[in-house]
N, C-alpha and C. Protein backbone atom coordinates (compact mmCIF):
# COMPACT_ATOMS: atom_id res chain seq x y z
N MET A 1 0.81 -1.21 0.00
CA MET A 1 0.00 0.00 0.00
C MET A 1 0.85 1.26 0.00
N PRO A 2 1.91 1.38 0.78
CA PRO A 2 2.72 2.60 0.76
C PRO A 2 3.32 2.88 -0.62
N LEU A 3 3.67 1.85 -1.37
CA LEU A 3 4.25 2.04 -2.69
C LEU A 3 3.24 2.71 -3.62
N LEU A 4 2.01 2.30 -3.56
CA LEU A 4 0.95 2.90 -4.36
C LEU A 4 0.77 4.37 -4.00
N PHE A 5 0.82 4.67 -2.71
CA PHE A 5 0.69 6.05 -2.24
C PHE A 5 1.77 6.94 -2.85
N TYR A 6 3.02 6.47 -2.84
CA TYR A 6 4.12 7.24 -3.41
C TYR A 6 3.96 7.38 -4.92
N PHE A 7 3.51 6.35 -5.59
CA PHE A 7 3.30 6.41 -7.02
C PHE A 7 2.26 7.47 -7.37
N ILE A 8 1.19 7.54 -6.62
CA ILE A 8 0.13 8.52 -6.85
C ILE A 8 0.67 9.93 -6.63
N ARG A 9 1.45 10.11 -5.57
CA ARG A 9 2.01 11.44 -5.30
C ARG A 9 2.99 11.87 -6.38
N VAL A 10 3.83 10.93 -6.84
CA VAL A 10 4.79 11.25 -7.90
C VAL A 10 4.05 11.59 -9.19
N SER A 11 3.02 10.84 -9.50
CA SER A 11 2.22 11.10 -10.71
C SER A 11 1.59 12.49 -10.65
N ALA A 12 1.04 12.83 -9.50
CA ALA A 12 0.42 14.15 -9.34
C ALA A 12 1.45 15.27 -9.49
N THR A 13 2.62 15.06 -8.92
CA THR A 13 3.69 16.06 -9.02
C THR A 13 4.14 16.22 -10.47
N LEU A 14 4.26 15.12 -11.17
CA LEU A 14 4.66 15.20 -12.59
C LEU A 14 3.61 15.91 -13.43
N ARG A 15 2.34 15.65 -13.17
CA ARG A 15 1.27 16.34 -13.91
C ARG A 15 1.31 17.84 -13.65
N ARG A 16 1.51 18.20 -12.39
CA ARG A 16 1.58 19.62 -12.03
C ARG A 16 2.79 20.28 -12.69
N SER A 17 3.92 19.60 -12.70
CA SER A 17 5.13 20.14 -13.33
C SER A 17 4.94 20.31 -14.83
N GLU A 18 4.29 19.35 -15.45
CA GLU A 18 4.04 19.45 -16.89
C GLU A 18 3.12 20.63 -17.20
N ARG A 19 2.07 20.80 -16.38
CA ARG A 19 1.15 21.92 -16.57
C ARG A 19 1.90 23.25 -16.42
N ASP A 20 2.76 23.35 -15.42
CA ASP A 20 3.51 24.58 -15.20
C ASP A 20 4.48 24.85 -16.35
N LEU A 21 5.10 23.80 -16.87
CA LEU A 21 6.03 23.93 -17.98
C LEU A 21 5.30 24.42 -19.23
N VAL A 22 4.14 23.86 -19.49
CA VAL A 22 3.36 24.28 -20.64
C VAL A 22 2.95 25.74 -20.50
N LYS A 23 2.50 26.14 -19.31
CA LYS A 23 2.12 27.53 -19.09
C LYS A 23 3.28 28.48 -19.34
N LYS A 24 4.47 28.05 -18.97
CA LYS A 24 5.61 28.93 -19.06
C LYS A 24 6.11 29.09 -20.50
N TYR A 25 6.08 28.02 -21.28
CA TYR A 25 6.74 28.06 -22.58
C TYR A 25 5.82 28.03 -23.79
N VAL A 26 4.58 27.69 -23.63
CA VAL A 26 3.67 27.68 -24.77
C VAL A 26 3.24 29.12 -25.06
N ALA A 27 3.06 29.42 -26.35
CA ALA A 27 2.67 30.78 -26.74
C ALA A 27 1.38 31.18 -26.02
N LYS A 28 1.39 32.39 -25.51
CA LYS A 28 0.25 32.91 -24.76
C LYS A 28 -0.58 33.82 -25.65
N LEU A 29 -1.87 33.88 -25.35
CA LEU A 29 -2.72 34.86 -26.03
C LEU A 29 -2.27 36.25 -25.58
N PRO A 30 -2.26 37.20 -26.49
CA PRO A 30 -1.90 38.57 -26.08
C PRO A 30 -2.90 39.11 -25.06
N MET A 31 -2.43 39.99 -24.21
CA MET A 31 -3.26 40.56 -23.16
C MET A 31 -4.48 41.28 -23.75
N ASP A 32 -4.30 41.94 -24.89
CA ASP A 32 -5.43 42.64 -25.51
C ASP A 32 -6.55 41.67 -25.88
N GLU A 33 -6.18 40.49 -26.35
CA GLU A 33 -7.20 39.49 -26.70
C GLU A 33 -7.88 38.95 -25.44
N LEU A 34 -7.10 38.77 -24.38
CA LEU A 34 -7.68 38.29 -23.13
C LEU A 34 -8.65 39.29 -22.53
N ILE A 35 -8.28 40.57 -22.59
CA ILE A 35 -9.18 41.58 -22.02
C ILE A 35 -10.44 41.70 -22.88
N ALA A 36 -10.30 41.51 -24.18
CA ALA A 36 -11.47 41.53 -25.06
C ALA A 36 -12.39 40.35 -24.74
N LEU A 37 -11.79 39.20 -24.47
CA LEU A 37 -12.57 38.01 -24.10
C LEU A 37 -13.31 38.22 -22.78
N ALA A 38 -12.60 38.76 -21.80
CA ALA A 38 -13.23 39.03 -20.50
C ALA A 38 -14.34 40.07 -20.66
N ALA A 39 -14.11 41.06 -21.50
CA ALA A 39 -15.13 42.10 -21.73
C ALA A 39 -16.37 41.50 -22.39
N LYS A 40 -16.15 40.64 -23.36
CA LYS A 40 -17.27 40.01 -24.06
C LYS A 40 -18.09 39.16 -23.09
N ARG A 41 -17.41 38.37 -22.27
CA ARG A 41 -18.11 37.52 -21.29
C ARG A 41 -18.85 38.36 -20.24
N SER A 42 -18.32 39.53 -19.95
CA SER A 42 -18.91 40.39 -18.92
C SER A 42 -19.92 41.37 -19.48
N GLY A 43 -19.95 41.52 -20.80
CA GLY A 43 -20.85 42.49 -21.41
C GLY A 43 -20.40 43.93 -21.23
N LEU A 44 -19.09 44.13 -21.12
CA LEU A 44 -18.53 45.47 -20.93
C LEU A 44 -17.58 45.81 -22.06
N GLU A 45 -17.20 47.06 -22.13
CA GLU A 45 -16.17 47.49 -23.07
C GLU A 45 -14.80 47.17 -22.46
N PRO A 46 -13.84 46.73 -23.29
CA PRO A 46 -12.50 46.39 -22.76
C PRO A 46 -11.84 47.52 -21.99
N GLU A 47 -12.06 48.77 -22.43
CA GLU A 47 -11.43 49.91 -21.75
C GLU A 47 -11.94 50.06 -20.32
N LEU A 48 -13.19 49.66 -20.08
CA LEU A 48 -13.78 49.80 -18.75
C LEU A 48 -13.22 48.79 -17.76
N ILE A 49 -12.74 47.66 -18.25
CA ILE A 49 -12.17 46.66 -17.34
C ILE A 49 -10.91 47.20 -16.69
N GLY A 50 -10.14 47.97 -17.43
CA GLY A 50 -8.92 48.55 -16.89
C GLY A 50 -9.14 49.80 -16.05
N SER A 51 -10.39 50.22 -15.93
CA SER A 51 -10.66 51.41 -15.13
C SER A 51 -10.45 51.11 -13.64
N ARG A 52 -10.40 52.15 -12.87
CA ARG A 52 -10.20 51.97 -11.43
C ARG A 52 -11.51 51.89 -10.66
N SER A 53 -12.60 51.75 -11.40
CA SER A 53 -13.92 51.69 -10.77
C SER A 53 -14.02 50.51 -9.81
N ARG A 54 -14.72 50.73 -8.70
CA ARG A 54 -14.90 49.66 -7.71
C ARG A 54 -16.30 49.05 -7.80
N GLN A 55 -17.05 49.44 -8.83
CA GLN A 55 -18.36 48.84 -9.02
C GLN A 55 -18.21 47.34 -9.25
N LYS A 56 -19.18 46.60 -8.77
CA LYS A 56 -19.09 45.15 -8.78
C LYS A 56 -18.87 44.57 -10.18
N LYS A 57 -19.57 45.07 -11.19
CA LYS A 57 -19.45 44.51 -12.53
C LYS A 57 -18.04 44.71 -13.09
N TYR A 58 -17.41 45.85 -12.79
CA TYR A 58 -16.05 46.08 -13.26
C TYR A 58 -15.04 45.24 -12.48
N SER A 59 -15.27 45.15 -11.19
CA SER A 59 -14.39 44.35 -10.34
C SER A 59 -14.44 42.88 -10.74
N GLN A 60 -15.63 42.37 -11.03
CA GLN A 60 -15.76 40.97 -11.47
C GLN A 60 -15.09 40.75 -12.82
N ALA A 61 -15.23 41.71 -13.72
CA ALA A 61 -14.60 41.60 -15.03
C ALA A 61 -13.07 41.60 -14.90
N ARG A 62 -12.53 42.45 -14.01
CA ARG A 62 -11.08 42.45 -13.77
C ARG A 62 -10.64 41.12 -13.17
N SER A 63 -11.46 40.57 -12.28
CA SER A 63 -11.13 39.28 -11.67
C SER A 63 -11.10 38.19 -12.73
N LEU A 64 -12.07 38.20 -13.64
CA LEU A 64 -12.09 37.23 -14.73
C LEU A 64 -10.86 37.39 -15.61
N PHE A 65 -10.54 38.63 -15.97
CA PHE A 65 -9.35 38.87 -16.79
C PHE A 65 -8.08 38.38 -16.09
N ALA A 66 -7.95 38.69 -14.81
CA ALA A 66 -6.77 38.26 -14.06
C ALA A 66 -6.69 36.74 -14.03
N TRP A 67 -7.81 36.08 -13.84
CA TRP A 67 -7.81 34.61 -13.81
C TRP A 67 -7.41 34.04 -15.16
N LEU A 68 -7.97 34.58 -16.24
CA LEU A 68 -7.61 34.12 -17.58
C LEU A 68 -6.11 34.30 -17.84
N ALA A 69 -5.60 35.48 -17.48
CA ALA A 69 -4.20 35.79 -17.76
C ALA A 69 -3.24 34.96 -16.91
N VAL A 70 -3.51 34.88 -15.60
CA VAL A 70 -2.58 34.21 -14.69
C VAL A 70 -2.77 32.69 -14.69
N GLU A 71 -3.99 32.25 -14.47
CA GLU A 71 -4.23 30.81 -14.31
C GLU A 71 -4.32 30.05 -15.64
N GLU A 72 -4.93 30.65 -16.64
CA GLU A 72 -5.10 29.95 -17.91
C GLU A 72 -3.91 30.14 -18.85
N GLU A 73 -3.39 31.35 -18.92
CA GLU A 73 -2.32 31.63 -19.88
C GLU A 73 -0.93 31.64 -19.26
N GLY A 74 -0.84 31.72 -17.94
CA GLY A 74 0.45 31.64 -17.27
C GLY A 74 1.23 32.94 -17.17
N TYR A 75 0.56 34.07 -17.34
CA TYR A 75 1.25 35.35 -17.15
C TYR A 75 1.54 35.54 -15.67
N PRO A 76 2.69 36.13 -15.34
CA PRO A 76 2.96 36.46 -13.94
C PRO A 76 1.99 37.55 -13.46
N ALA A 77 1.64 37.50 -12.20
CA ALA A 77 0.72 38.49 -11.62
C ALA A 77 1.27 39.90 -11.77
N ALA A 78 2.58 40.05 -11.70
CA ALA A 78 3.19 41.38 -11.83
C ALA A 78 2.95 41.97 -13.23
N VAL A 79 2.99 41.13 -14.26
CA VAL A 79 2.75 41.60 -15.63
C VAL A 79 1.29 42.03 -15.78
N VAL A 80 0.39 41.23 -15.23
CA VAL A 80 -1.04 41.56 -15.28
C VAL A 80 -1.30 42.86 -14.52
N ALA A 81 -0.65 43.01 -13.38
CA ALA A 81 -0.81 44.22 -12.57
C ALA A 81 -0.37 45.46 -13.35
N ARG A 82 0.76 45.39 -14.01
CA ARG A 82 1.24 46.52 -14.81
C ARG A 82 0.26 46.83 -15.94
N PHE A 83 -0.27 45.79 -16.57
CA PHE A 83 -1.21 45.98 -17.67
C PHE A 83 -2.47 46.70 -17.21
N LEU A 84 -2.96 46.34 -16.02
CA LEU A 84 -4.18 46.92 -15.48
C LEU A 84 -3.94 48.21 -14.70
N GLY A 85 -2.68 48.51 -14.40
CA GLY A 85 -2.37 49.69 -13.61
C GLY A 85 -2.72 49.52 -12.14
N MET A 86 -2.53 48.32 -11.64
CA MET A 86 -2.82 48.05 -10.23
C MET A 86 -1.64 47.32 -9.61
N SER A 87 -1.72 47.02 -8.33
CA SER A 87 -0.62 46.34 -7.65
C SER A 87 -0.71 44.83 -7.86
N ARG A 88 0.40 44.15 -7.64
CA ARG A 88 0.43 42.69 -7.73
C ARG A 88 -0.49 42.08 -6.68
N VAL A 89 -0.53 42.68 -5.51
CA VAL A 89 -1.42 42.22 -4.44
C VAL A 89 -2.88 42.37 -4.87
N GLY A 90 -3.17 43.47 -5.56
CA GLY A 90 -4.53 43.66 -6.07
C GLY A 90 -4.92 42.57 -7.05
N VAL A 91 -3.98 42.15 -7.88
CA VAL A 91 -4.25 41.06 -8.83
C VAL A 91 -4.48 39.76 -8.07
N LYS A 92 -3.67 39.50 -7.06
CA LYS A 92 -3.85 38.28 -6.26
C LYS A 92 -5.21 38.28 -5.57
N LYS A 93 -5.64 39.42 -5.08
CA LYS A 93 -6.97 39.51 -4.45
C LYS A 93 -8.07 39.28 -5.49
N ALA A 94 -7.87 39.81 -6.69
CA ALA A 94 -8.84 39.59 -7.77
C ALA A 94 -8.93 38.10 -8.11
N LEU A 95 -7.80 37.43 -8.11
CA LEU A 95 -7.79 35.98 -8.36
C LEU A 95 -8.56 35.23 -7.27
N GLU A 96 -8.35 35.65 -6.02
CA GLU A 96 -9.08 35.03 -4.91
C GLU A 96 -10.58 35.26 -5.05
N ARG A 97 -10.97 36.50 -5.42
CA ARG A 97 -12.39 36.81 -5.61
C ARG A 97 -12.99 35.93 -6.70
N TRP A 98 -12.27 35.78 -7.81
CA TRP A 98 -12.79 34.98 -8.92
C TRP A 98 -12.92 33.52 -8.50
N SER A 99 -11.92 33.03 -7.80
CA SER A 99 -11.95 31.64 -7.33
C SER A 99 -13.13 31.41 -6.39
N GLN A 100 -13.35 32.34 -5.47
CA GLN A 100 -14.47 32.22 -4.53
C GLN A 100 -15.81 32.31 -5.24
N SER A 101 -15.93 33.19 -6.22
CA SER A 101 -17.19 33.33 -6.93
C SER A 101 -17.48 32.09 -7.77
N ARG A 102 -16.46 31.47 -8.30
CA ARG A 102 -16.66 30.24 -9.08
C ARG A 102 -17.10 29.11 -8.18
N HIS A 103 -16.55 29.03 -6.96
CA HIS A 103 -16.94 27.96 -6.04
C HIS A 103 -18.33 28.17 -5.49
N SER A 104 -18.74 29.42 -5.34
CA SER A 104 -20.07 29.68 -4.81
C SER A 104 -21.16 29.41 -5.85
N ILE A 105 -20.78 29.48 -7.13
CA ILE A 105 -21.72 29.19 -8.21
C ILE A 105 -21.94 27.68 -8.33
N SER A 106 -20.88 26.92 -8.17
CA SER A 106 -20.95 25.46 -8.34
C SER A 106 -21.81 24.79 -7.32
C-alpha cells in the first residue's frame, strides 16, 4: 500500500510540473485578446475593465481577466498588474475573488 501512495504522489507532481512547464513556454494569447474576451463575457467594453472603478461589474470583469491571464495563460501576476495599472497584491486579491465566486456558483 505505501508504494501505491508514493506512485500517486509522484504522478500528481509530474502532472503539475508538466502543466507549469506548458504555461511557461507555450505561446500565450496577447493581453489585448484576453481583455477583449473578458469584456465580451462580462458584457462590458475592454477599456472599462482597466478602469479603477470599484463597481461590482467592473471588479468581477477584472477578476475574470486576471484569472484568464494568470491561471489559464500563465502570465505572472506582476505583468497583469502593470497591464491593469494596479498592484500585484490587487491582482492576487482579484484571483481570490474569482476563485471564490466560481466555487459559490458550483
